[in-house]
Amino acid sequence: MAQKNNIQLAIREYRPSDQAMVTELFLDSIRENIYPAFFKSMSHSDHVGVALSISMAGYVLGGSSYFQALLFGAAWAGLIYFCCHEIYEGYMLRRLTTDMADIQANYLTNPDNGFWVAEVGDNETSRVVGMVTVRAQRRVEDEHHGNSNGGVGTGSSADGSGDSGEMSHLAVAFLWRRRKLGYQLTQRALEFCKERGFARLILDVSSPQTGAMSLLRKNGFIQTSSHSNTHGNRWISKLARISVLRMEKFL
């Protein structure tokens, strides 16, 4: 446990009393990606071209009206924002109705799964300001992943099974960032995976999450694959231009 300015920080296992704060942190961490995704998508050359064309069409159809040009361009931007919003909201709702619906059953009753929180506080009050989870992925060693790092294999677990851990819900409250909390939470997940004899730790992140990717690379993760399947509507995914990156660290 560390102490700074009478504030204590501890990374510990999740407790049922943390549920409200953990859920709030989860919702904030997902929704904060909507605006970066929107700006990243709108800056793409194809979307810039479409925005200019639509604005010009509005200008002509409105009888040289700059207002209508602006209105048409804003409508296009609104559509792109809606697409980005739907992807992250859809992901959030899926997780709230699956693993996050019963944390006790999904993470705490299985010794190969884990859920940790970063807690800060003094002698009177405390608050959860970070979290991370790991779930065991029982599968045979995948040759595709073995070749994804220039021929470097995935390694093997203590029993040779090549099982891996899937990290998710890595989040730190905004006011507590840049204090190495994300690094410490990631290290805790890595330690757990080594204790369980997993071959690797994997995490999927969306392309707008540049901060998360930077943190993962500092922890030794590499990108092994990417895809555009966001589990949303095909056209919504296409317009949002959000891709999912698989980051892995071989243990």
C-alpha atoms as a PDB file:
ATOM      1  CA  MET A   1       0.000   0.000   0.000  1.00  0.00           C
ATOM      2  CA  ALA A   2       1.333   3.412  -0.991  1.00  0.00           C
ATOM      3  CA  GLN A   3       0.648   6.710   0.717  1.00  0.00           C
ATOM      4  CA  LYS A   4       0.798  10.225  -0.697  1.00  0.00           C
ATOM      5  CA  ASN A   5      -0.616  13.372   0.904  1.00  0.00           C
ATOM      6  CA  ASN A   6      -2.534  11.213   3.438  1.00  0.00           C
ATOM      7  CA  ILE A   7      -4.233   9.401   0.555  1.00  0.00           C
ATOM      8  CA  GLN A   8      -3.680   5.655   0.431  1.00  0.00           C
ATOM      9  CA  LEU A   9      -3.747   3.586  -2.729  1.00  0.00           C
ATOM     10  CA  ALA A  10      -4.275  -0.160  -2.863  1.00  0.00           C
ATOM     11  CA  ILE A  11      -4.921  -2.656  -5.645  1.00  0.00           C
ATOM     12  CA  ARG A  12      -7.101  -5.412  -4.257  1.00  0.00           C
ATOM     13  CA  GLU A  13      -9.655  -7.985  -5.313  1.00  0.00           C
ATOM     14  CA  TYR A  14     -13.187  -6.865  -6.116  1.00  0.00           C
ATOM     15  CA  ARG A  15     -15.776  -6.945  -3.333  1.00  0.00           C
ATOM     16  CA  PRO A  16     -19.584  -6.962  -3.813  1.00  0.00           C
ATOM     17  CA  SER A  17     -19.756  -3.552  -2.117  1.00  0.00           C
ATOM     18  CA  ASP A  18     -17.757  -2.135  -5.070  1.00  0.00           C
ATOM     19  CA  GLN A  19     -20.481  -2.848  -7.621  1.00  0.00           C
ATOM     20  CA  ALA A  20     -21.978   0.659  -7.881  1.00  0.00           C
ATOM     21  CA  MET A  21     -18.593   2.384  -8.215  1.00  0.00           C
ATOM     22  CA  VAL A  22     -17.284  -0.252 -10.626  1.00  0.00           C
ATOM     23  CA  THR A  23     -20.371   0.081 -12.836  1.00  0.00           C
ATOM     24  CA  GLU A  24     -20.055   3.873 -12.883  1.00  0.00           C
ATOM     25  CA  LEU A  25     -16.372   3.617 -13.795  1.00  0.00           C
ATOM     26  CA  PHE A  26     -17.159   1.103 -16.538  1.00  0.00           C
ATOM     27  CA  LEU A  27     -19.856   3.303 -18.102  1.00  0.00           C
ATOM     28  CA  ASP A  28     -17.614   6.391 -18.048  1.00  0.00           C
ATOM     29  CA  SER A  29     -14.667   4.498 -19.549  1.00  0.00           C
ATOM     30  CA  ILE A  30     -16.751   3.288 -22.509  1.00  0.00           C
ATOM     31  CA  ARG A  31     -18.645   6.499 -23.251  1.00  0.00           C
ATOM     32  CA  GLU A  32     -15.513   8.631 -23.221  1.00  0.00           C
ATOM     33  CA  ASN A  33     -14.425   6.889 -26.441  1.00  0.00           C
ATOM     34  CA  ILE A  34     -17.343   8.219 -28.478  1.00  0.00           C
ATOM     35  CA  TYR A  35     -15.953  11.705 -29.185  1.00  0.00           C
ATOM     36  CA  PRO A  36     -12.399  10.535 -30.050  1.00  0.00           C
ATOM     37  CA  ALA A  37     -13.923   7.943 -32.381  1.00  0.00           C
ATOM     38  CA  PHE A  38     -16.116  10.607 -33.997  1.00  0.00           C
ATOM     39  CA  PHE A  39     -13.250  13.058 -34.591  1.00  0.00           C
ATOM     40  CA  LYS A  40     -10.989  10.286 -35.873  1.00  0.00           C
ATOM     41  CA  SER A  41     -13.672   9.107 -38.272  1.00  0.00           C
ATOM     42  CA  MET A  42     -14.536  12.606 -39.514  1.00  0.00           C
ATOM     43  CA  SER A  43     -10.860  13.324 -40.232  1.00  0.00           C
ATOM     44  CA  HIS A  44     -10.661  10.399 -42.648  1.00  0.00           C
ATOM     45  CA  SER A  45     -10.133  11.603 -46.216  1.00  0.00           C
ATOM     46  CA  ASP A  46     -13.242   9.782 -47.502  1.00  0.00           C
ATOM     47  CA  HIS A  47     -15.489  11.427 -44.909  1.00  0.00           C
ATOM     48  CA  VAL A  48     -13.926  14.820 -45.511  1.00  0.00           C
ATOM     49  CA  GLY A  49     -14.675  14.448 -49.217  1.00  0.00           C
ATOM     50  CA  VAL A  50     -18.263  13.386 -48.569  1.00  0.00           C
ATOM     51  CA  ALA A  51     -18.797  16.273 -46.124  1.00  0.00           C
ATOM     52  CA  LEU A  52     -17.531  18.792 -48.676  1.00  0.00           C
ATOM     53  CA  SER A  53     -19.663  17.292 -51.458  1.00  0.00           C
ATOM     54  CA  ILE A  54     -22.802  17.286 -49.308  1.00  0.00           C
ATOM     55  CA  SER A  55     -22.172  20.860 -48.182  1.00  0.00           C
ATOM     56  CA  MET A  56     -21.717  21.944 -51.793  1.00  0.00           C
ATOM     57  CA  ALA A  57     -24.963  20.198 -52.740  1.00  0.00           C
ATOM     58  CA  GLY A  58     -26.744  22.048 -49.948  1.00  0.00           C
ATOM     59  CA  TYR A  59     -25.256  25.316 -51.132  1.00  0.00           C
ATOM     60  CA  VAL A  60     -26.482  24.763 -54.707  1.00  0.00           C
ATOM     61  CA  LEU A  61     -29.899  23.387 -53.771  1.00  0.00           C
ATOM     62  CA  GLY A  62     -30.436  26.226 -51.343  1.00  0.00           C
ATOM     63  CA  GLY A  63     -29.829  28.834 -54.003  1.00  0.00           C
ATOM     64  CA  SER A  64     -26.307  29.770 -52.896  1.00  0.00           C
ATOM     65  CA  SER A  65     -27.294  29.477 -49.254  1.00  0.00           C
ATOM     66  CA  TYR A  66     -24.354  29.147 -46.861  1.00  0.00           C
ATOM     67  CA  PHE A  67     -26.794  28.201 -44.115  1.00  0.00           C
ATOM     68  CA  GLN A  68     -28.092  25.218 -46.096  1.00  0.00           C
ATOM     69  CA  ALA A  69     -24.524  24.200 -46.935  1.00  0.00           C
ATOM     70  CA  LEU A  70     -23.740  24.205 -43.233  1.00  0.00           C
ATOM     71  CA  LEU A  71     -26.948  22.338 -42.470  1.00  0.00           C
ATOM     72  CA  PHE A  72     -26.193  19.553 -44.952  1.00  0.00           C
ATOM     73  CA  GLY A  73     -22.635  19.218 -43.645  1.00  0.00           C
ATOM     74  CA  ALA A  74     -23.891  19.095 -40.058  1.00  0.00           C
ATOM     75  CA  ALA A  75     -26.362  16.355 -40.987  1.00  0.00           C
ATOM     76  CA  TRP A  76     -23.504  14.228 -42.315  1.00  0.00           C
ATOM     77  CA  ALA A  77     -21.447  14.848 -39.173  1.00  0.00           C
ATOM     78  CA  GLY A  78     -24.483  13.951 -37.060  1.00  0.00           C
ATOM     79  CA  LEU A  79     -24.816  10.636 -38.893  1.00  0.00           C
ATOM     80  CA  ILE A  80     -21.169   9.757 -38.222  1.00  0.00           C
ATOM     81  CA  TYR A  81     -21.527  10.685 -34.554  1.00  0.00           C
ATOM     82  CA  PHE A  82     -24.625   8.487 -34.307  1.00  0.00           C
ATOM     83  CA  CYS A  83     -22.690   5.539 -35.753  1.00  0.00           C
ATOM     84  CA  CYS A  84     -19.818   5.957 -33.277  1.00  0.00           C
ATOM     85  CA  HIS A  85     -22.273   6.359 -30.408  1.00  0.00           C
ATOM     86  CA  GLU A  86     -24.192   3.211 -31.380  1.00  0.00           C
ATOM     87  CA  ILE A  87     -21.057   1.063 -31.498  1.00  0.00           C
ATOM     88  CA  TYR A  88     -19.867   1.980 -28.004  1.00  0.00           C
ATOM     89  CA  GLU A  89     -23.332   2.009 -26.472  1.00  0.00           C
ATOM     90  CA  GLY A  90     -23.988  -1.395 -28.008  1.00  0.00           C
ATOM     91  CA  TYR A  91     -20.748  -2.777 -26.563  1.00  0.00           C
ATOM     92  CA  MET A  92     -21.577  -1.307 -23.160  1.00  0.00           C
ATOM     93  CA  LEU A  93     -25.054  -2.847 -23.104  1.00  0.00           C
ATOM     94  CA  ARG A  94     -23.720  -6.259 -24.158  1.00  0.00           C
ATOM     95  CA  ARG A  95     -21.225  -6.336 -21.310  1.00  0.00           C
ATOM     96  CA  LEU A  96     -23.763  -5.085 -18.769  1.00  0.00           C
ATOM     97  CA  THR A  97     -26.029  -8.013 -19.646  1.00  0.00           C
ATOM     98  CA  THR A  98     -23.259 -10.647 -19.746  1.00  0.00           C
ATOM     99  CA  ASP A  99     -20.148 -10.717 -17.545  1.00  0.00           C
ATOM    100  CA  MET A 100     -20.867  -7.452 -15.703  1.00  0.00           C
ATOM    101  CA  ALA A 101     -24.390  -8.614 -14.833  1.00  0.00           C
ATOM    102  CA  ASP A 102     -23.037 -11.063 -12.246  1.00  0.00           C
ATOM    103  CA  ILE A 103     -19.438 -10.287 -11.338  1.00  0.00           C
ATOM    104  CA  GLN A 104     -19.432 -12.788  -8.485  1.00  0.00           C
ATOM    105  CA  ALA A 105     -20.367 -15.707 -10.730  1.00  0.00           C
ATOM    106  CA  ASN A 106     -18.274 -14.688 -13.734  1.00  0.00           C
ATOM    107  CA  TYR A 107     -15.044 -13.657 -12.010  1.00  0.00           C
ATOM    108  CA  LEU A 108     -14.859 -14.626  -8.339  1.00  0.00           C
ATOM    109  CA  THR A 109     -16.077 -18.223  -8.253  1.00  0.00           C
ATOM    110  CA  ASN A 110     -13.587 -19.404 -10.890  1.00  0.00           C
ATOM    111  CA  PRO A 111      -9.958 -19.479  -9.648  1.00  0.00           C
ATOM    112  CA  ASP A 112      -8.740 -18.917 -13.214  1.00  0.00           C
ATOM    113  CA  ASN A 113     -10.608 -15.590 -13.452  1.00  0.00           C
ATOM    114  CA  GLY A 114      -9.845 -12.395 -11.579  1.00  0.00           C
ATOM    115  CA  PHE A 115     -11.257  -8.926 -10.920  1.00  0.00           C
ATOM    116  CA  TRP A 116      -9.182  -6.231  -9.218  1.00  0.00           C
ATOM    117  CA  VAL A 117      -9.849  -2.619  -8.330  1.00  0.00           C
ATOM    118  CA  ALA A 118      -7.614   0.329  -7.468  1.00  0.00           C
ATOM    119  CA  GLU A 119      -8.932   1.956  -4.307  1.00  0.00           C
ATOM    120  CA  VAL A 120      -7.925   5.334  -2.894  1.00  0.00           C
ATOM    121  CA  GLY A 121      -8.952   6.877   0.375  1.00  0.00           C
ATOM    122  CA  ASP A 122      -8.029   7.915   3.899  1.00  0.00           C
ATOM    123  CA  ASN A 123      -9.100   6.545   7.249  1.00  0.00           C
ATOM    124  CA  GLU A 124     -12.719   7.636   6.725  1.00  0.00           C
ATOM    125  CA  THR A 125     -13.632   7.341   3.051  1.00  0.00           C
ATOM    126  CA  SER A 126     -12.484   5.330   0.060  1.00  0.00           C
ATOM    127  CA  ARG A 127     -13.342   5.170  -3.639  1.00  0.00           C
ATOM    128  CA  VAL A 128     -12.659   2.833  -6.536  1.00  0.00           C
ATOM    129  CA  VAL A 129     -10.705   4.714  -9.222  1.00  0.00           C
ATOM    130  CA  GLY A 130      -9.495   1.863 -11.405  1.00  0.00           C
ATOM    131  CA  MET A 131     -10.199  -1.721 -12.369  1.00  0.00           C
ATOM    132  CA  VAL A 132      -9.111  -4.628 -14.534  1.00  0.00           C
ATOM    133  CA  THR A 133     -10.354  -8.157 -15.148  1.00  0.00           C
ATOM    134  CA  VAL A 134      -8.918 -11.413 -16.495  1.00  0.00           C
ATOM    135  CA  ARG A 135     -10.847 -14.418 -17.760  1.00  0.00           C
ATOM    136  CA  ALA A 136      -9.260 -17.738 -18.703  1.00  0.00           C
ATOM    137  CA  GLN A 137      -9.438 -18.724 -22.366  1.00  0.00           C
ATOM    138  CA  ARG A 138      -9.185 -22.505 -22.586  1.00  0.00           C
ATOM    139  CA  ARG A 139      -8.118 -23.329 -26.108  1.00  0.00           C
ATOM    140  CA  VAL A 140      -5.517 -25.188 -28.027  1.00  0.00           C
ATOM    141  CA  GLU A 141      -2.429 -23.289 -29.028  1.00  0.00           C
ATOM    142  CA  ASP A 142      -3.248 -21.341 -32.157  1.00  0.00           C
ATOM    143  CA  GLU A 143      -0.739 -21.549 -34.977  1.00  0.00           C
ATOM    144  CA  HIS A 144      -1.928 -18.231 -36.422  1.00  0.00           C
ATOM    145  CA  HIS A 145      -0.951 -16.392 -33.252  1.00  0.00           C
ATOM    146  CA  GLY A 146       2.298 -18.307 -33.122  1.00  0.00           C
ATOM    147  CA  ASN A 147       3.299 -16.782 -36.466  1.00  0.00           C
ATOM    148  CA  SER A 148       2.018 -13.295 -35.764  1.00  0.00           C
ATOM    149  CA  ASN A 149       5.215 -12.150 -34.069  1.00  0.00           C
ATOM    150  CA  GLY A 150       7.691 -12.993 -36.759  1.00  0.00           C
ATOM    151  CA  GLY A 151       7.538 -16.697 -35.934  1.00  0.00           C
ATOM    152  CA  VAL A 152       7.678 -16.282 -32.165  1.00  0.00           C
ATOM    153  CA  GLY A 153       5.515 -18.940 -30.532  1.00  0.00           C
ATOM    154  CA  THR A 154       2.858 -18.310 -27.954  1.00  0.00           C
ATOM    155  CA  GLY A 155       4.689 -20.252 -25.303  1.00  0.00           C
ATOM    156  CA  SER A 156       2.952 -22.841 -23.214  1.00  0.00           C
ATOM    157  CA  SER A 157       1.399 -23.070 -19.810  1.00  0.00           C
ATOM    158  CA  ALA A 158       2.770 -25.183 -16.992  1.00  0.00           C
ATOM    159  CA  ASP A 159       0.744 -28.173 -18.178  1.00  0.00           C
ATOM    160  CA  GLY A 160       1.504 -27.516 -21.840  1.00  0.00           C
ATOM    161  CA  SER A 161      -2.053 -26.535 -22.726  1.00  0.00           C
ATOM    162  CA  GLY A 162      -1.238 -23.095 -24.104  1.00  0.00           C
ATOM    163  CA  ASP A 163      -4.183 -21.517 -22.254  1.00  0.00           C
ATOM    164  CA  SER A 164      -4.360 -17.729 -22.208  1.00  0.00           C
ATOM    165  CA  GLY A 165      -5.940 -14.973 -20.173  1.00  0.00           C
ATOM    166  CA  GLU A 166      -8.211 -12.338 -21.689  1.00  0.00           C
ATOM    167  CA  MET A 167      -7.904  -8.946 -20.036  1.00  0.00           C
ATOM    168  CA  SER A 168     -10.802  -6.497 -20.210  1.00  0.00           C
ATOM    169  CA  HIS A 169     -12.393  -3.560 -18.394  1.00  0.00           C
ATOM    170  CA  LEU A 170      -9.013  -1.873 -17.917  1.00  0.00           C
ATOM    171  CA  ALA A 171     -10.102   1.565 -16.735  1.00  0.00           C
ATOM    172  CA  VAL A 172      -8.806   4.428 -14.598  1.00  0.00           C
ATOM    173  CA  ALA A 173     -10.912   7.397 -13.477  1.00  0.00           C
ATOM    174  CA  PHE A 174     -10.002  10.574 -15.366  1.00  0.00           C
ATOM    175  CA  LEU A 175      -8.674  12.499 -12.346  1.00  0.00           C
ATOM    176  CA  TRP A 176      -6.383   9.605 -11.397  1.00  0.00           C
ATOM    177  CA  ARG A 177      -4.629   9.143 -14.712  1.00  0.00           C
ATOM    178  CA  ARG A 178      -0.930   9.788 -15.286  1.00  0.00           C
ATOM    179  CA  ARG A 179      -0.163   8.265 -11.883  1.00  0.00           C
ATOM    180  CA  LYS A 180       0.829   4.838 -13.235  1.00  0.00           C
ATOM    181  CA  LEU A 181      -2.408   3.250 -12.045  1.00  0.00           C
ATOM    182  CA  GLY A 182      -3.049   1.735 -15.466  1.00  0.00           C
ATOM    183  CA  TYR A 183       0.464   0.293 -15.458  1.00  0.00           C
ATOM    184  CA  GLN A 184       0.006  -1.200 -11.980  1.00  0.00           C
ATOM    185  CA  LEU A 185      -3.350  -2.745 -12.869  1.00  0.00           C
ATOM    186  CA  THR A 186      -1.882  -4.268 -16.022  1.00  0.00           C
ATOM    187  CA  GLN A 187       1.045  -5.647 -14.034  1.00  0.00           C
ATOM    188  CA  ARG A 188      -1.388  -7.238 -11.571  1.00  0.00           C
ATOM    189  CA  ALA A 189      -3.179  -8.946 -14.452  1.00  0.00           C
ATOM    190  CA  LEU A 190       0.160 -10.174 -15.843  1.00  0.00           C
ATOM    191  CA  GLU A 191       1.228 -11.527 -12.453  1.00  0.00           C
ATOM    192  CA  PHE A 192      -2.055 -13.421 -12.158  1.00  0.00           C
ATOM    193  CA  CYS A 193      -1.599 -14.976 -15.601  1.00  0.00           C
ATOM    194  CA  LYS A 194       1.928 -16.094 -14.748  1.00  0.00           C
ATOM    195  CA  GLU A 195       0.673 -17.600 -11.485  1.00  0.00           C
ATOM    196  CA  ARG A 196      -1.981 -19.541 -13.403  1.00  0.00           C
ATOM    197  CA  GLY A 197       0.566 -20.706 -15.994  1.00  0.00           C
ATOM    198  CA  PHE A 198      -1.111 -19.000 -18.941  1.00  0.00           C
ATOM    199  CA  ALA A 199       0.810 -18.769 -22.198  1.00  0.00           C
ATOM    200  CA  ARG A 200      -0.208 -15.206 -22.976  1.00  0.00           C
ATOM    201  CA  LEU A 201      -2.415 -12.299 -21.992  1.00  0.00           C
ATOM    202  CA  ILE A 202      -4.648 -10.800 -24.677  1.00  0.00           C
ATOM    203  CA  LEU A 203      -6.737  -7.647 -24.884  1.00  0.00           C
ATOM    204  CA  ASP A 204      -8.937  -6.198 -27.626  1.00  0.00           C
ATOM    205  CA  VAL A 205      -8.992  -2.395 -27.939  1.00  0.00           C
ATOM    206  CA  SER A 206     -10.736  -0.123 -30.419  1.00  0.00           C
ATOM    207  CA  SER A 207      -8.611   1.974 -32.764  1.00  0.00           C
ATOM    208  CA  PRO A 208      -9.496   5.362 -31.158  1.00  0.00           C
ATOM    209  CA  GLN A 209      -8.081   4.189 -27.800  1.00  0.00           C
ATOM    210  CA  THR A 210      -4.570   5.467 -28.454  1.00  0.00           C
ATOM    211  CA  GLY A 211      -3.814   5.985 -24.761  1.00  0.00           C
ATOM    212  CA  ALA A 212      -4.623   2.362 -23.966  1.00  0.00           C
ATOM    213  CA  MET A 213      -2.481   1.116 -26.841  1.00  0.00           C
ATOM    214  CA  SER A 214       0.447   3.231 -25.659  1.00  0.00           C
ATOM    215  CA  LEU A 215       0.100   1.822 -22.139  1.00  0.00           C
ATOM    216  CA  LEU A 216      -0.042  -1.739 -23.440  1.00  0.00           C
ATOM    217  CA  ARG A 217       3.068  -1.297 -25.574  1.00  0.00           C
ATOM    218  CA  LYS A 218       4.944   0.023 -22.541  1.00  0.00           C
ATOM    219  CA  ASN A 219       3.958  -3.212 -20.801  1.00  0.00           C
ATOM    220  CA  GLY A 220       5.387  -5.289 -23.644  1.00  0.00           C
ATOM    221  CA  PHE A 221       2.212  -6.004 -25.621  1.00  0.00           C
ATOM    222  CA  ILE A 222       2.296  -6.235 -29.403  1.00  0.00           C
ATOM    223  CA  GLN A 223      -0.494  -5.985 -31.966  1.00  0.00           C
ATOM    224  CA  THR A 224      -1.123  -9.360 -33.561  1.00  0.00           C
ATOM    225  CA  SER A 225      -4.276  -8.769 -35.613  1.00  0.00           C
ATOM    226  CA  SER A 226      -7.115  -6.378 -36.359  1.00  0.00           C
ATOM    227  CA  HIS A 227     -10.641  -6.568 -37.718  1.00  0.00           C
ATOM    228  CA  SER A 228     -13.664  -4.328 -38.264  1.00  0.00           C
ATOM    229  CA  ASN A 229     -16.284  -6.555 -36.628  1.00  0.00           C
ATOM    230  CA  THR A 230     -17.672  -4.318 -33.884  1.00  0.00           C
ATOM    231  CA  HIS A 231     -20.820  -6.492 -33.493  1.00  0.00           C
ATOM    232  CA  GLY A 232     -22.834  -3.513 -34.684  1.00  0.00           C
ATOM    233  CA  ASN A 233     -24.844  -3.041 -37.858  1.00  0.00           C
ATOM    234  CA  ARG A 234     -22.625  -3.532 -40.918  1.00  0.00           C
ATOM    235  CA  TRP A 235     -23.239  -0.062 -42.330  1.00  0.00           C
ATOM    236  CA  ILE A 236     -22.859   1.604 -38.943  1.00  0.00           C
ATOM    237  CA  SER A 237     -19.485  -0.088 -38.514  1.00  0.00           C
ATOM    238  CA  LYS A 238     -18.457   0.888 -42.037  1.00  0.00           C
ATOM    239  CA  LEU A 239     -19.335   4.559 -41.542  1.00  0.00           C
ATOM    240  CA  ALA A 240     -17.748   4.775 -38.071  1.00  0.00           C
ATOM    241  CA  ARG A 241     -14.477   3.293 -39.391  1.00  0.00           C
ATOM    242  CA  ILE A 242     -13.642   1.786 -36.024  1.00  0.00           C
ATOM    243  CA  SER A 243     -11.421  -1.261 -36.025  1.00  0.00           C
ATOM    244  CA  VAL A 244     -10.666  -3.672 -33.187  1.00  0.00           C
ATOM    245  CA  LEU A 245      -7.006  -4.378 -32.461  1.00  0.00           C
ATOM    246  CA  ARG A 246      -5.819  -7.553 -30.750  1.00  0.00           C
ATOM    247  CA  MET A 247      -2.933  -6.828 -28.365  1.00  0.00           C
ATOM    248  CA  GLU A 248      -1.007  -9.728 -26.819  1.00  0.00           C
ATOM    249  CA  LYS A 249       1.872 -10.343 -24.481  1.00  0.00           C
ATOM    250  CA  PHE A 250       3.500 -13.744 -24.531  1.00  0.00           C
ATOM    251  CA  LEU A 251       4.452 -15.013 -21.089  1.00  0.00           C
END
